[in-house]
Amino acid sequence: MPTLYAVPGSYLTQKLRICAKYAGLDVANEAPVGNEGTDNPIPVLETAQGCIFSTNAIARYLAGIRRDVGLAGQNLLEAGCIDSWVEFSVHQLEVPLMTWLCSAKKAAGCACRGCGHGQV
């Protein structure tokens, strides 16, 4: 069973847990160790074959394990379309939304560094 080293309450972790659930995979989740000074470290998936880091790369790997489910697409065009929408959501939705959310939290008195303490 692969092990995901990621902050349990982080939205990045939740994205990966949703992907694994849709693919019908069991993935153990452990909090990363030794991340002092980092509020929300990059997730790492440890597999029997090696490690993968970064949310979208891990999601692509998890989706590709179960081709029969179709999360990674059934052909190159579908895979390209999925990658396009993932990139769109990251750059056009997540980044602006997180910028707005952190600004709103700061205005509301949140004192954490960048509002990245794993809670959204």
PDB file of N, CA and C in Angstrom:
ATOM      1  N   MET A   1       0.844  -1.179   0.000  1.00  0.00           N
ATOM      2  CA  MET A   1       0.000   0.000   0.000  1.00  0.00           C
ATOM      3  C   MET A   1       0.888   1.240   0.000  1.00  0.00           C
ATOM      4  N   PRO A   2       0.643   2.176  -0.920  1.00  0.00           N
ATOM      5  CA  PRO A   2       1.423   3.414  -0.940  1.00  0.00           C
ATOM      6  C   PRO A   2       1.162   4.250   0.309  1.00  0.00           C
ATOM      7  N   THR A   3       2.168   5.022   0.701  1.00  0.00           N
ATOM      8  CA  THR A   3       2.033   5.910   1.854  1.00  0.00           C
ATOM      9  C   THR A   3       2.175   7.347   1.384  1.00  0.00           C
ATOM     10  N   LEU A   4       1.217   8.179   1.752  1.00  0.00           N
ATOM     11  CA  LEU A   4       1.233   9.591   1.413  1.00  0.00           C
ATOM     12  C   LEU A   4       1.718  10.377   2.623  1.00  0.00           C
ATOM     13  N   TYR A   5       2.836  11.079   2.445  1.00  0.00           N
ATOM     14  CA  TYR A   5       3.349  11.954   3.495  1.00  0.00           C
ATOM     15  C   TYR A   5       2.883  13.363   3.167  1.00  0.00           C
ATOM     16  N   ALA A   6       1.871  13.807   3.910  1.00  0.00           N
ATOM     17  CA  ALA A   6       1.274  15.113   3.653  1.00  0.00           C
ATOM     18  C   ALA A   6       0.531  15.575   4.897  1.00  0.00           C
ATOM     19  N   VAL A   7       0.381  16.880   5.032  1.00  0.00           N
ATOM     20  CA  VAL A   7      -0.347  17.457   6.154  1.00  0.00           C
ATOM     21  C   VAL A   7      -1.798  16.991   6.076  1.00  0.00           C
ATOM     22  N   PRO A   8      -2.300  16.270   7.098  1.00  0.00           N
ATOM     23  CA  PRO A   8      -3.637  15.665   7.036  1.00  0.00           C
ATOM     24  C   PRO A   8      -4.782  16.618   6.689  1.00  0.00           C
ATOM     25  N   GLY A   9      -4.801  17.841   7.184  1.00  0.00           N
ATOM     26  CA  GLY A   9      -5.928  18.735   6.922  1.00  0.00           C
ATOM     27  C   GLY A   9      -5.771  19.621   5.709  1.00  0.00           C
ATOM     28  N   SER A  10      -4.674  19.496   4.985  1.00  0.00           N
ATOM     29  CA  SER A  10      -4.387  20.373   3.862  1.00  0.00           C
ATOM     30  C   SER A  10      -5.305  20.096   2.675  1.00  0.00           C
ATOM     31  N   TYR A  11      -5.636  21.147   1.929  1.00  0.00           N
ATOM     32  CA  TYR A  11      -6.455  20.953   0.727  1.00  0.00           C
ATOM     33  C   TYR A  11      -5.703  20.131  -0.307  1.00  0.00           C
ATOM     34  N   LEU A  12      -4.370  20.203  -0.316  1.00  0.00           N
ATOM     35  CA  LEU A  12      -3.584  19.383  -1.238  1.00  0.00           C
ATOM     36  C   LEU A  12      -3.755  17.898  -0.917  1.00  0.00           C
ATOM     37  N   THR A  13      -3.749  17.579   0.364  1.00  0.00           N
ATOM     38  CA  THR A  13      -3.952  16.198   0.796  1.00  0.00           C
ATOM     39  C   THR A  13      -5.351  15.728   0.446  1.00  0.00           C
ATOM     40  N   GLN A  14      -6.339  16.602   0.627  1.00  0.00           N
ATOM     41  CA  GLN A  14      -7.716  16.237   0.329  1.00  0.00           C
ATOM     42  C   GLN A  14      -7.900  15.931  -1.157  1.00  0.00           C
ATOM     43  N   LYS A  15      -7.225  16.700  -2.024  1.00  0.00           N
ATOM     44  CA  LYS A  15      -7.296  16.431  -3.462  1.00  0.00           C
ATOM     45  C   LYS A  15      -6.817  15.012  -3.758  1.00  0.00           C
ATOM     46  N   LEU A  16      -5.734  14.603  -3.115  1.00  0.00           N
ATOM     47  CA  LEU A  16      -5.168  13.285  -3.361  1.00  0.00           C
ATOM     48  C   LEU A  16      -6.024  12.177  -2.770  1.00  0.00           C
ATOM     49  N   ARG A  17      -6.605  12.419  -1.624  1.00  0.00           N
ATOM     50  CA  ARG A  17      -7.481  11.413  -1.006  1.00  0.00           C
ATOM     51  C   ARG A  17      -8.742  11.200  -1.855  1.00  0.00           C
ATOM     52  N   ILE A  18      -9.264  12.271  -2.433  1.00  0.00           N
ATOM     53  CA  ILE A  18     -10.422  12.158  -3.318  1.00  0.00           C
ATOM     54  C   ILE A  18     -10.057  11.343  -4.563  1.00  0.00           C
ATOM     55  N   CYS A  19      -8.914  11.635  -5.153  1.00  0.00           N
ATOM     56  CA  CYS A  19      -8.460  10.900  -6.335  1.00  0.00           C
ATOM     57  C   CYS A  19      -8.308   9.412  -6.020  1.00  0.00           C
ATOM     58  N   ALA A  20      -7.670   9.099  -4.895  1.00  0.00           N
ATOM     59  CA  ALA A  20      -7.474   7.702  -4.497  1.00  0.00           C
ATOM     60  C   ALA A  20      -8.817   7.012  -4.268  1.00  0.00           C
ATOM     61  N   LYS A  21      -9.751   7.723  -3.664  1.00  0.00           N
ATOM     62  CA  LYS A  21     -11.069   7.134  -3.390  1.00  0.00           C
ATOM     63  C   LYS A  21     -11.805   6.813  -4.692  1.00  0.00           C
ATOM     64  N   TYR A  22     -11.798   7.759  -5.642  1.00  0.00           N
ATOM     65  CA  TYR A  22     -12.446   7.514  -6.930  1.00  0.00           C
ATOM     66  C   TYR A  22     -11.793   6.357  -7.677  1.00  0.00           C
ATOM     67  N   ALA A  23     -10.475   6.199  -7.499  1.00  0.00           N
ATOM     68  CA  ALA A  23      -9.758   5.109  -8.165  1.00  0.00           C
ATOM     69  C   ALA A  23      -9.906   3.790  -7.404  1.00  0.00           C
ATOM     70  N   GLY A  24     -10.501   3.837  -6.224  1.00  0.00           N
ATOM     71  CA  GLY A  24     -10.688   2.632  -5.426  1.00  0.00           C
ATOM     72  C   GLY A  24      -9.398   2.124  -4.804  1.00  0.00           C
ATOM     73  N   LEU A  25      -8.512   3.050  -4.431  1.00  0.00           N
ATOM     74  CA  LEU A  25      -7.211   2.683  -3.877  1.00  0.00           C
ATOM     75  C   LEU A  25      -7.129   3.007  -2.391  1.00  0.00           C
ATOM     76  N   ASP A  26      -6.415   2.176  -1.655  1.00  0.00           N
ATOM     77  CA  ASP A  26      -6.127   2.455  -0.249  1.00  0.00           C
ATOM     78  C   ASP A  26      -4.758   3.107  -0.169  1.00  0.00           C
ATOM     79  N   VAL A  27      -4.715   4.298   0.389  1.00  0.00           N
ATOM     80  CA  VAL A  27      -3.461   5.021   0.557  1.00  0.00           C
ATOM     81  C   VAL A  27      -3.364   5.449   2.012  1.00  0.00           C
ATOM     82  N   ALA A  28      -2.286   5.033   2.672  1.00  0.00           N
ATOM     83  CA  ALA A  28      -2.060   5.447   4.058  1.00  0.00           C
ATOM     84  C   ALA A  28      -1.589   6.897   4.061  1.00  0.00           C
ATOM     85  N   ASN A  29      -2.039   7.668   5.042  1.00  0.00           N
ATOM     86  CA  ASN A  29      -1.642   9.073   5.143  1.00  0.00           C
ATOM     87  C   ASN A  29      -0.895   9.287   6.451  1.00  0.00           C
ATOM     88  N   GLU A  30       0.346   9.763   6.340  1.00  0.00           N
ATOM     89  CA  GLU A  30       1.143  10.086   7.523  1.00  0.00           C
ATOM     90  C   GLU A  30       1.579  11.534   7.435  1.00  0.00           C
ATOM     91  N   ALA A  31       1.605  12.191   8.583  1.00  0.00           N
ATOM     92  CA  ALA A  31       2.083  13.573   8.621  1.00  0.00           C
ATOM     93  C   ALA A  31       3.586  13.582   8.359  1.00  0.00           C
ATOM     94  N   PRO A  32       4.065  14.541   7.572  1.00  0.00           N
ATOM     95  CA  PRO A  32       5.502  14.610   7.302  1.00  0.00           C
ATOM     96  C   PRO A  32       6.287  14.944   8.565  1.00  0.00           C
ATOM     97  N   VAL A  33       7.510  14.462   8.640  1.00  0.00           N
ATOM     98  CA  VAL A  33       8.372  14.718   9.795  1.00  0.00           C
ATOM     99  C   VAL A  33       9.502  15.640   9.371  1.00  0.00           C
ATOM    100  N   GLY A  34       9.947  16.461  10.279  1.00  0.00           N
ATOM    101  CA  GLY A  34      11.091  17.331  10.008  1.00  0.00           C
ATOM    102  C   GLY A  34      10.783  18.463   9.058  1.00  0.00           C
ATOM    103  N   ASN A  35       9.582  18.998   9.129  1.00  0.00           N
ATOM    104  CA  ASN A  35       9.222  20.099   8.242  1.00  0.00           C
ATOM    105  C   ASN A  35       9.154  21.423   9.004  1.00  0.00           C
ATOM    106  N   GLU A  36      10.053  21.587   9.968  1.00  0.00           N
ATOM    107  CA  GLU A  36      10.072  22.826  10.745  1.00  0.00           C
ATOM    108  C   GLU A  36      10.290  24.007   9.806  1.00  0.00           C
ATOM    109  N   GLY A  37       9.518  25.041  10.009  1.00  0.00           N
ATOM    110  CA  GLY A  37       9.644  26.236   9.183  1.00  0.00           C
ATOM    111  C   GLY A  37       8.816  26.164   7.903  1.00  0.00           C
ATOM    112  N   THR A  38       8.146  25.060   7.667  1.00  0.00           N
ATOM    113  CA  THR A  38       7.305  24.920   6.492  1.00  0.00           C
ATOM    114  C   THR A  38       5.882  24.652   6.955  1.00  0.00           C
ATOM    115  N   ASP A  39       4.978  25.553   6.620  1.00  0.00           N
ATOM    116  CA  ASP A  39       3.596  25.402   7.057  1.00  0.00           C
ATOM    117  C   ASP A  39       2.851  24.327   6.278  1.00  0.00           C
ATOM    118  N   ASN A  40       3.154  24.188   5.005  1.00  0.00           N
ATOM    119  CA  ASN A  40       2.412  23.254   4.165  1.00  0.00           C
ATOM    120  C   ASN A  40       3.372  22.635   3.153  1.00  0.00           C
ATOM    121  N   PRO A  41       4.135  21.609   3.555  1.00  0.00           N
ATOM    122  CA  PRO A  41       5.129  21.031   2.650  1.00  0.00           C
ATOM    123  C   PRO A  41       4.478  20.305   1.470  1.00  0.00           C
ATOM    124  N   ILE A  42       5.251  20.123   0.416  1.00  0.00           N
ATOM    125  CA  ILE A  42       4.778  19.422  -0.774  1.00  0.00           C
ATOM    126  C   ILE A  42       4.511  17.963  -0.420  1.00  0.00           C
ATOM    127  N   PRO A  43       3.360  17.417  -0.823  1.00  0.00           N
ATOM    128  CA  PRO A  43       3.071  16.011  -0.546  1.00  0.00           C
ATOM    129  C   PRO A  43       4.044  15.077  -1.271  1.00  0.00           C
ATOM    130  N   VAL A  44       4.342  13.940  -0.646  1.00  0.00           N
ATOM    131  CA  VAL A  44       5.191  12.914  -1.234  1.00  0.00           C
ATOM    132  C   VAL A  44       4.485  11.574  -1.088  1.00  0.00           C
ATOM    133  N   LEU A  45       4.420  10.814  -2.181  1.00  0.00           N
ATOM    134  CA  LEU A  45       3.837   9.483  -2.160  1.00  0.00           C
ATOM    135  C   LEU A  45       4.973   8.475  -2.270  1.00  0.00           C
ATOM    136  N   GLU A  46       5.054   7.601  -1.263  1.00  0.00           N
ATOM    137  CA  GLU A  46       6.074   6.555  -1.276  1.00  0.00           C
ATOM    138  C   GLU A  46       5.431   5.261  -1.769  1.00  0.00           C
ATOM    139  N   THR A  47       5.982   4.698  -2.852  1.00  0.00           N
ATOM    140  CA  THR A  47       5.488   3.444  -3.411  1.00  0.00           C
ATOM    141  C   THR A  47       6.603   2.403  -3.333  1.00  0.00           C
ATOM    142  N   ALA A  48       6.290   1.180  -3.661  1.00  0.00           N
ATOM    143  CA  ALA A  48       7.298   0.119  -3.665  1.00  0.00           C
ATOM    144  C   ALA A  48       8.363   0.383  -4.731  1.00  0.00           C
ATOM    145  N   GLN A  49       8.006   1.116  -5.789  1.00  0.00           N
ATOM    146  CA  GLN A  49       8.944   1.400  -6.867  1.00  0.00           C
ATOM    147  C   GLN A  49       9.748   2.682  -6.651  1.00  0.00           C
ATOM    148  N   GLY A  50       9.336   3.538  -5.739  1.00  0.00           N
ATOM    149  CA  GLY A  50      10.023   4.801  -5.503  1.00  0.00           C
ATOM    150  C   GLY A  50       9.052   5.866  -5.013  1.00  0.00           C
ATOM    151  N   CYS A  51       9.534   7.105  -4.950  1.00  0.00           N
ATOM    152  CA  CYS A  51       8.727   8.213  -4.433  1.00  0.00           C
ATOM    153  C   CYS A  51       8.328   9.168  -5.555  1.00  0.00           C
ATOM    154  N   ILE A  52       7.157   9.773  -5.383  1.00  0.00           N
ATOM    155  CA  ILE A  52       6.637  10.784  -6.302  1.00  0.00           C
ATOM    156  C   ILE A  52       6.253  11.984  -5.449  1.00  0.00           C
ATOM    157  N   PHE A  53       6.608  13.181  -5.899  1.00  0.00           N
ATOM    158  CA  PHE A  53       6.225  14.378  -5.155  1.00  0.00           C
ATOM    159  C   PHE A  53       5.430  15.319  -6.040  1.00  0.00           C
ATOM    160  N   SER A  54       4.713  16.213  -5.423  1.00  0.00           N
ATOM    161  CA  SER A  54       3.862  17.209  -6.064  1.00  0.00           C
ATOM    162  C   SER A  54       2.445  16.655  -6.247  1.00  0.00           C
ATOM    163  N   THR A  55       1.499  17.444  -5.878  1.00  0.00           N
ATOM    164  CA  THR A  55       0.104  17.015  -5.862  1.00  0.00           C
ATOM    165  C   THR A  55      -0.388  16.494  -7.209  1.00  0.00           C
ATOM    166  N   ASN A  56      -0.162  17.253  -8.275  1.00  0.00           N
ATOM    167  CA  ASN A  56      -0.682  16.836  -9.573  1.00  0.00           C
ATOM    168  C   ASN A  56       0.017  15.589 -10.103  1.00  0.00           C
ATOM    169  N   ALA A  57       1.312  15.451  -9.864  1.00  0.00           N
ATOM    170  CA  ALA A  57       2.034  14.247 -10.298  1.00  0.00           C
ATOM    171  C   ALA A  57       1.531  13.018  -9.546  1.00  0.00           C
ATOM    172  N   ILE A  58       1.293  13.169  -8.257  1.00  0.00           N
ATOM    173  CA  ILE A  58       0.762  12.053  -7.462  1.00  0.00           C
ATOM    174  C   ILE A  58      -0.652  11.703  -7.934  1.00  0.00           C
ATOM    175  N   ALA A  59      -1.478  12.709  -8.171  1.00  0.00           N
ATOM    176  CA  ALA A  59      -2.843  12.470  -8.639  1.00  0.00           C
ATOM    177  C   ALA A  59      -2.822  11.746  -9.986  1.00  0.00           C
ATOM    178  N   ARG A  60      -1.939  12.158 -10.888  1.00  0.00           N
ATOM    179  CA  ARG A  60      -1.833  11.506 -12.192  1.00  0.00           C
ATOM    180  C   ARG A  60      -1.415  10.048 -12.025  1.00  0.00           C
ATOM    181  N   TYR A  61      -0.485   9.794 -11.112  1.00  0.00           N
ATOM    182  CA  TYR A  61      -0.045   8.417 -10.837  1.00  0.00           C
ATOM    183  C   TYR A  61      -1.197   7.570 -10.284  1.00  0.00           C
ATOM    184  N   LEU A  62      -1.895   8.105  -9.288  1.00  0.00           N
ATOM    185  CA  LEU A  62      -3.015   7.371  -8.687  1.00  0.00           C
ATOM    186  C   LEU A  62      -4.113   7.085  -9.713  1.00  0.00           C
ATOM    187  N   ALA A  63      -4.402   8.071 -10.554  1.00  0.00           N
ATOM    188  CA  ALA A  63      -5.437   7.891 -11.575  1.00  0.00           C
ATOM    189  C   ALA A  63      -5.020   6.854 -12.606  1.00  0.00           C
ATOM    190  N   GLY A  64      -3.726   6.773 -12.893  1.00  0.00           N
ATOM    191  CA  GLY A  64      -3.239   5.845 -13.904  1.00  0.00           C
ATOM    192  C   GLY A  64      -3.149   4.407 -13.446  1.00  0.00           C
ATOM    193  N   ILE A  65      -3.149   4.181 -12.144  1.00  0.00           N
ATOM    194  CA  ILE A  65      -3.066   2.810 -11.630  1.00  0.00           C
ATOM    195  C   ILE A  65      -4.280   1.999 -12.067  1.00  0.00           C
ATOM    196  N   ARG A  66      -5.451   2.599 -11.999  1.00  0.00           N
ATOM    197  CA  ARG A  66      -6.699   1.909 -12.374  1.00  0.00           C
ATOM    198  C   ARG A  66      -7.218   2.493 -13.682  1.00  0.00           C
ATOM    199  N   ARG A  67      -6.677   2.062 -14.789  1.00  0.00           N
ATOM    200  CA  ARG A  67      -7.101   2.545 -16.109  1.00  0.00           C
ATOM    201  C   ARG A  67      -8.585   2.274 -16.374  1.00  0.00           C
ATOM    202  N   ASP A  68      -9.102   1.195 -15.791  1.00  0.00           N
ATOM    203  CA  ASP A  68     -10.500   0.835 -16.031  1.00  0.00           C
ATOM    204  C   ASP A  68     -11.481   1.871 -15.490  1.00  0.00           C
ATOM    205  N   VAL A  69     -11.048   2.681 -14.518  1.00  0.00           N
ATOM    206  CA  VAL A  69     -11.928   3.701 -13.941  1.00  0.00           C
ATOM    207  C   VAL A  69     -12.036   4.914 -14.867  1.00  0.00           C
ATOM    208  N   GLY A  70     -10.982   5.200 -15.614  1.00  0.00           N
ATOM    209  CA  GLY A  70     -11.019   6.290 -16.585  1.00  0.00           C
ATOM    210  C   GLY A  70     -10.597   7.648 -16.061  1.00  0.00           C
ATOM    211  N   LEU A  71     -10.063   7.723 -14.852  1.00  0.00           N
ATOM    212  CA  LEU A  71      -9.648   9.025 -14.314  1.00  0.00           C
ATOM    213  C   LEU A  71      -8.494   9.643 -15.089  1.00  0.00           C
ATOM    214  N   ALA A  72      -7.661   8.815 -15.714  1.00  0.00           N
ATOM    215  CA  ALA A  72      -6.506   9.317 -16.460  1.00  0.00           C
ATOM    216  C   ALA A  72      -6.816   9.452 -17.945  1.00  0.00           C
ATOM    217  N   GLY A  73      -8.028   9.122 -18.347  1.00  0.00           N
ATOM    218  CA  GLY A  73      -8.400   9.154 -19.758  1.00  0.00           C
ATOM    219  C   GLY A  73      -8.178   7.794 -20.411  1.00  0.00           C
ATOM    220  N   GLN A  74      -8.922   7.536 -21.456  1.00  0.00           N
ATOM    221  CA  GLN A  74      -8.823   6.248 -22.154  1.00  0.00           C
ATOM    222  C   GLN A  74      -7.892   6.304 -23.358  1.00  0.00           C
ATOM    223  N   ASN A  75      -7.461   7.513 -23.757  1.00  0.00           N
ATOM    224  CA  ASN A  75      -6.523   7.660 -24.868  1.00  0.00           C
ATOM    225  C   ASN A  75      -5.716   8.943 -24.656  1.00  0.00           C
ATOM    226  N   LEU A  76      -4.806   9.229 -25.584  1.00  0.00           N
ATOM    227  CA  LEU A  76      -3.937  10.397 -25.417  1.00  0.00           C
ATOM    228  C   LEU A  76      -4.707  11.716 -25.431  1.00  0.00           C
ATOM    229  N   LEU A  77      -5.735  11.811 -26.266  1.00  0.00           N
ATOM    230  CA  LEU A  77      -6.523  13.048 -26.314  1.00  0.00           C
ATOM    231  C   LEU A  77      -7.234  13.291 -24.989  1.00  0.00           C
ATOM    232  N   GLU A  78      -7.870  12.269 -24.446  1.00  0.00           N
ATOM    233  CA  GLU A  78      -8.550  12.413 -23.157  1.00  0.00           C
ATOM    234  C   GLU A  78      -7.549  12.752 -22.054  1.00  0.00           C
ATOM    235  N   ALA A  79      -6.387  12.106 -22.052  1.00  0.00           N
ATOM    236  CA  ALA A  79      -5.357  12.406 -21.046  1.00  0.00           C
ATOM    237  C   ALA A  79      -4.899  13.860 -21.164  1.00  0.00           C
ATOM    238  N   GLY A  80      -4.739  14.327 -22.401  1.00  0.00           N
ATOM    239  CA  GLY A  80      -4.354  15.725 -22.617  1.00  0.00           C
ATOM    240  C   GLY A  80      -5.419  16.698 -22.142  1.00  0.00           C
ATOM    241  N   CYS A  81      -6.679  16.363 -22.387  1.00  0.00           N
ATOM    242  CA  CYS A  81      -7.780  17.218 -21.915  1.00  0.00           C
ATOM    243  C   CYS A  81      -7.821  17.268 -20.393  1.00  0.00           C
ATOM    244  N   ILE A  82      -7.620  16.128 -19.763  1.00  0.00           N
ATOM    245  CA  ILE A  82      -7.601  16.086 -18.295  1.00  0.00           C
ATOM    246  C   ILE A  82      -6.462  16.937 -17.764  1.00  0.00           C
ATOM    247  N   ASP A  83      -5.268  16.783 -18.355  1.00  0.00           N
ATOM    248  CA  ASP A  83      -4.122  17.593 -17.927  1.00  0.00           C
ATOM    249  C   ASP A  83      -4.403  19.084 -18.126  1.00  0.00           C
ATOM    250  N   SER A  84      -5.068  19.436 -19.222  1.00  0.00           N
ATOM    251  CA  SER A  84      -5.409  20.845 -19.483  1.00  0.00           C
ATOM    252  C   SER A  84      -6.306  21.404 -18.391  1.00  0.00           C
ATOM    253  N   TRP A  85      -7.330  20.638 -18.009  1.00  0.00           N
ATOM    254  CA  TRP A  85      -8.256  21.116 -16.978  1.00  0.00           C
ATOM    255  C   TRP A  85      -7.597  21.166 -15.603  1.00  0.00           C
ATOM    256  N   VAL A  86      -6.698  20.221 -15.326  1.00  0.00           N
ATOM    257  CA  VAL A  86      -5.971  20.256 -14.051  1.00  0.00           C
ATOM    258  C   VAL A  86      -5.114  21.514 -13.985  1.00  0.00           C
ATOM    259  N   GLU A  87      -4.364  21.793 -15.060  1.00  0.00           N
ATOM    260  CA  GLU A  87      -3.537  23.006 -15.088  1.00  0.00           C
ATOM    261  C   GLU A  87      -4.391  24.267 -14.979  1.00  0.00           C
ATOM    262  N   PHE A  88      -5.520  24.283 -15.684  1.00  0.00           N
ATOM    263  CA  PHE A  88      -6.424  25.423 -15.608  1.00  0.00           C
ATOM    264  C   PHE A  88      -6.882  25.644 -14.175  1.00  0.00           C
ATOM    265  N   SER A  89      -7.312  24.573 -13.518  1.00  0.00           N
ATOM    266  CA  SER A  89      -7.839  24.727 -12.157  1.00  0.00           C
ATOM    267  C   SER A  89      -6.770  25.207 -11.186  1.00  0.00           C
ATOM    268  N   VAL A  90      -5.545  24.722 -11.357  1.00  0.00           N
ATOM    269  CA  VAL A  90      -4.460  25.154 -10.467  1.00  0.00           C
ATOM    270  C   VAL A  90      -4.161  26.638 -10.669  1.00  0.00           C
ATOM    271  N   HIS A  91      -3.947  27.044 -11.928  1.00  0.00           N
ATOM    272  CA  HIS A  91      -3.486  28.412 -12.187  1.00  0.00           C
ATOM    273  C   HIS A  91      -4.598  29.455 -12.224  1.00  0.00           C
ATOM    274  N   GLN A  92      -5.786  29.060 -12.651  1.00  0.00           N
ATOM    275  CA  GLN A  92      -6.859  30.035 -12.783  1.00  0.00           C
ATOM    276  C   GLN A  92      -7.840  30.022 -11.613  1.00  0.00           C
ATOM    277  N   LEU A  93      -7.854  28.955 -10.826  1.00  0.00           N
ATOM    278  CA  LEU A  93      -8.785  28.872  -9.712  1.00  0.00           C
ATOM    279  C   LEU A  93      -8.073  28.817  -8.360  1.00  0.00           C
ATOM    280  N   GLU A  94      -7.194  27.814  -8.177  1.00  0.00           N
ATOM    281  CA  GLU A  94      -6.558  27.625  -6.864  1.00  0.00           C
ATOM    282  C   GLU A  94      -5.707  28.815  -6.436  1.00  0.00           C
ATOM    283  N   VAL A  95      -4.822  29.276  -7.306  1.00  0.00           N
ATOM    284  CA  VAL A  95      -3.923  30.373  -6.927  1.00  0.00           C
ATOM    285  C   VAL A  95      -4.707  31.638  -6.591  1.00  0.00           C
ATOM    286  N   PRO A  96      -5.622  32.102  -7.466  1.00  0.00           N
ATOM    287  CA  PRO A  96      -6.392  33.291  -7.092  1.00  0.00           C
ATOM    288  C   PRO A  96      -7.251  33.078  -5.839  1.00  0.00           C
ATOM    289  N   LEU A  97      -7.856  31.892  -5.724  1.00  0.00           N
ATOM    290  CA  LEU A  97      -8.702  31.630  -4.560  1.00  0.00           C
ATOM    291  C   LEU A  97      -7.884  31.649  -3.274  1.00  0.00           C
ATOM    292  N   MET A  98      -6.703  31.018  -3.280  1.00  0.00           N
ATOM    293  CA  MET A  98      -5.871  31.003  -2.084  1.00  0.00           C
ATOM    294  C   MET A  98      -5.355  32.403  -1.755  1.00  0.00           C
ATOM    295  N   THR A  99      -5.050  33.183  -2.780  1.00  0.00           N
ATOM    296  CA  THR A  99      -4.620  34.574  -2.549  1.00  0.00           C
ATOM    297  C   THR A  99      -5.735  35.361  -1.878  1.00  0.00           C
ATOM    298  N   TRP A 100      -6.940  35.217  -2.396  1.00  0.00           N
ATOM    299  CA  TRP A 100      -8.088  35.907  -1.812  1.00  0.00           C
ATOM    300  C   TRP A 100      -8.362  35.409  -0.399  1.00  0.00           C
ATOM    301  N   LEU A 101      -8.311  34.086  -0.208  1.00  0.00           N
ATOM    302  CA  LEU A 101      -8.611  33.505   1.092  1.00  0.00           C
ATOM    303  C   LEU A 101      -7.602  33.962   2.153  1.00  0.00           C
ATOM    304  N   CYS A 102      -6.318  33.962   1.795  1.00  0.00           N
ATOM    305  CA  CYS A 102      -5.308  34.411   2.754  1.00  0.00           C
ATOM    306  C   CYS A 102      -5.485  35.891   3.089  1.00  0.00           C
ATOM    307  N   SER A 103      -5.834  36.699   2.086  1.00  0.00           N
ATOM    308  CA  SER A 103      -6.085  38.123   2.334  1.00  0.00           C
ATOM    309  C   SER A 103      -7.282  38.306   3.258  1.00  0.00           C
ATOM    310  N   ALA A 104      -8.325  37.515   3.026  1.00  0.00           N
ATOM    311  CA  ALA A 104      -9.528  37.611   3.866  1.00  0.00           C
ATOM    312  C   ALA A 104      -9.227  37.172   5.291  1.00  0.00           C
ATOM    313  N   LYS A 105      -8.451  36.091   5.440  1.00  0.00           N
ATOM    314  CA  LYS A 105      -8.097  35.634   6.783  1.00  0.00           C
ATOM    315  C   LYS A 105      -7.225  36.659   7.501  1.00  0.00           C
ATOM    316  N   LYS A 106      -6.298  37.268   6.760  1.00  0.00           N
ATOM    317  CA  LYS A 106      -5.433  38.280   7.365  1.00  0.00           C
ATOM    318  C   LYS A 106      -6.264  39.485   7.820  1.00  0.00           C
ATOM    319  N   ALA A 107      -7.222  39.877   6.998  1.00  0.00           N
ATOM    320  CA  ALA A 107      -8.095  40.993   7.359  1.00  0.00           C
ATOM    321  C   ALA A 107      -8.943  40.651   8.577  1.00  0.00           C
ATOM    322  N   ALA A 108      -9.238  39.339   8.752  1.00  0.00           N
ATOM    323  CA  ALA A 108     -10.046  38.907   9.891  1.00  0.00           C
ATOM    324  C   ALA A 108      -9.200  38.679  11.139  1.00  0.00           C
ATOM    325  N   GLY A 109      -7.882  38.892  11.030  1.00  0.00           N
ATOM    326  CA  GLY A 109      -7.023  38.779  12.204  1.00  0.00           C
ATOM    327  C   GLY A 109      -6.231  37.490  12.306  1.00  0.00           C
ATOM    328  N   CYS A 110      -6.188  36.688  11.252  1.00  0.00           N
ATOM    329  CA  CYS A 110      -5.398  35.459  11.287  1.00  0.00           C
ATOM    330  C   CYS A 110      -3.919  35.841  11.313  1.00  0.00           C
ATOM    331  N   ALA A 111      -3.203  35.342  12.300  1.00  0.00           N
ATOM    332  CA  ALA A 111      -1.803  35.739  12.473  1.00  0.00           C
ATOM    333  C   ALA A 111      -0.823  34.692  11.946  1.00  0.00           C
ATOM    334  N   CYS A 112      -1.305  33.594  11.403  1.00  0.00           N
ATOM    335  CA  CYS A 112      -0.373  32.567  10.932  1.00  0.00           C
ATOM    336  C   CYS A 112       0.342  33.036   9.670  1.00  0.00           C
ATOM    337  N   ARG A 113       1.507  32.461   9.423  1.00  0.00           N
ATOM    338  CA  ARG A 113       2.333  32.873   8.292  1.00  0.00           C
ATOM    339  C   ARG A 113       1.705  32.380   6.999  1.00  0.00           C
ATOM    340  N   GLY A 114       1.096  33.277   6.229  1.00  0.00           N
ATOM    341  CA  GLY A 114       0.537  32.935   4.944  1.00  0.00           C
ATOM    342  C   GLY A 114      -0.716  32.077   4.993  1.00  0.00           C
ATOM    343  N   CYS A 115      -1.288  31.902   6.152  1.00  0.00           N
ATOM    344  CA  CYS A 115      -2.487  31.085   6.312  1.00  0.00           C
ATOM    345  C   CYS A 115      -2.283  29.682   5.760  1.00  0.00           C
ATOM    346  N   GLY A 116      -1.086  29.160   5.787  1.00  0.00           N
ATOM    347  CA  GLY A 116      -0.814  27.858   5.225  1.00  0.00           C
ATOM    348  C   GLY A 116      -0.641  26.781   6.255  1.00  0.00           C
ATOM    349  N   HIS A 117      -1.339  26.860   7.359  1.00  0.00           N
ATOM    350  CA  HIS A 117      -1.166  25.892   8.424  1.00  0.00           C
ATOM    351  C   HIS A 117      -1.961  24.617   8.208  1.00  0.00           C
ATOM    352  N   GLY A 118      -2.387  24.384   6.952  1.00  0.00           N
ATOM    353  CA  GLY A 118      -3.069  23.134   6.643  1.00  0.00           C
ATOM    354  C   GLY A 118      -4.590  23.227   6.750  1.00  0.00           C
ATOM    355  N   GLN A 119      -5.086  24.343   7.174  1.00  0.00           N
ATOM    356  CA  GLN A 119      -6.535  24.488   7.296  1.00  0.00           C
ATOM    357  C   GLN A 119      -7.011  25.542   6.306  1.00  0.00           C
ATOM    358  N   VAL A 120      -8.007  25.188   5.514  1.00  0.00           N
ATOM    359  CA  VAL A 120      -8.563  26.142   4.562  1.00  0.00           C
ATOM    360  C   VAL A 120     -10.002  26.392   4.931  1.00  0.00           C
TER     361      VAL A 120
END
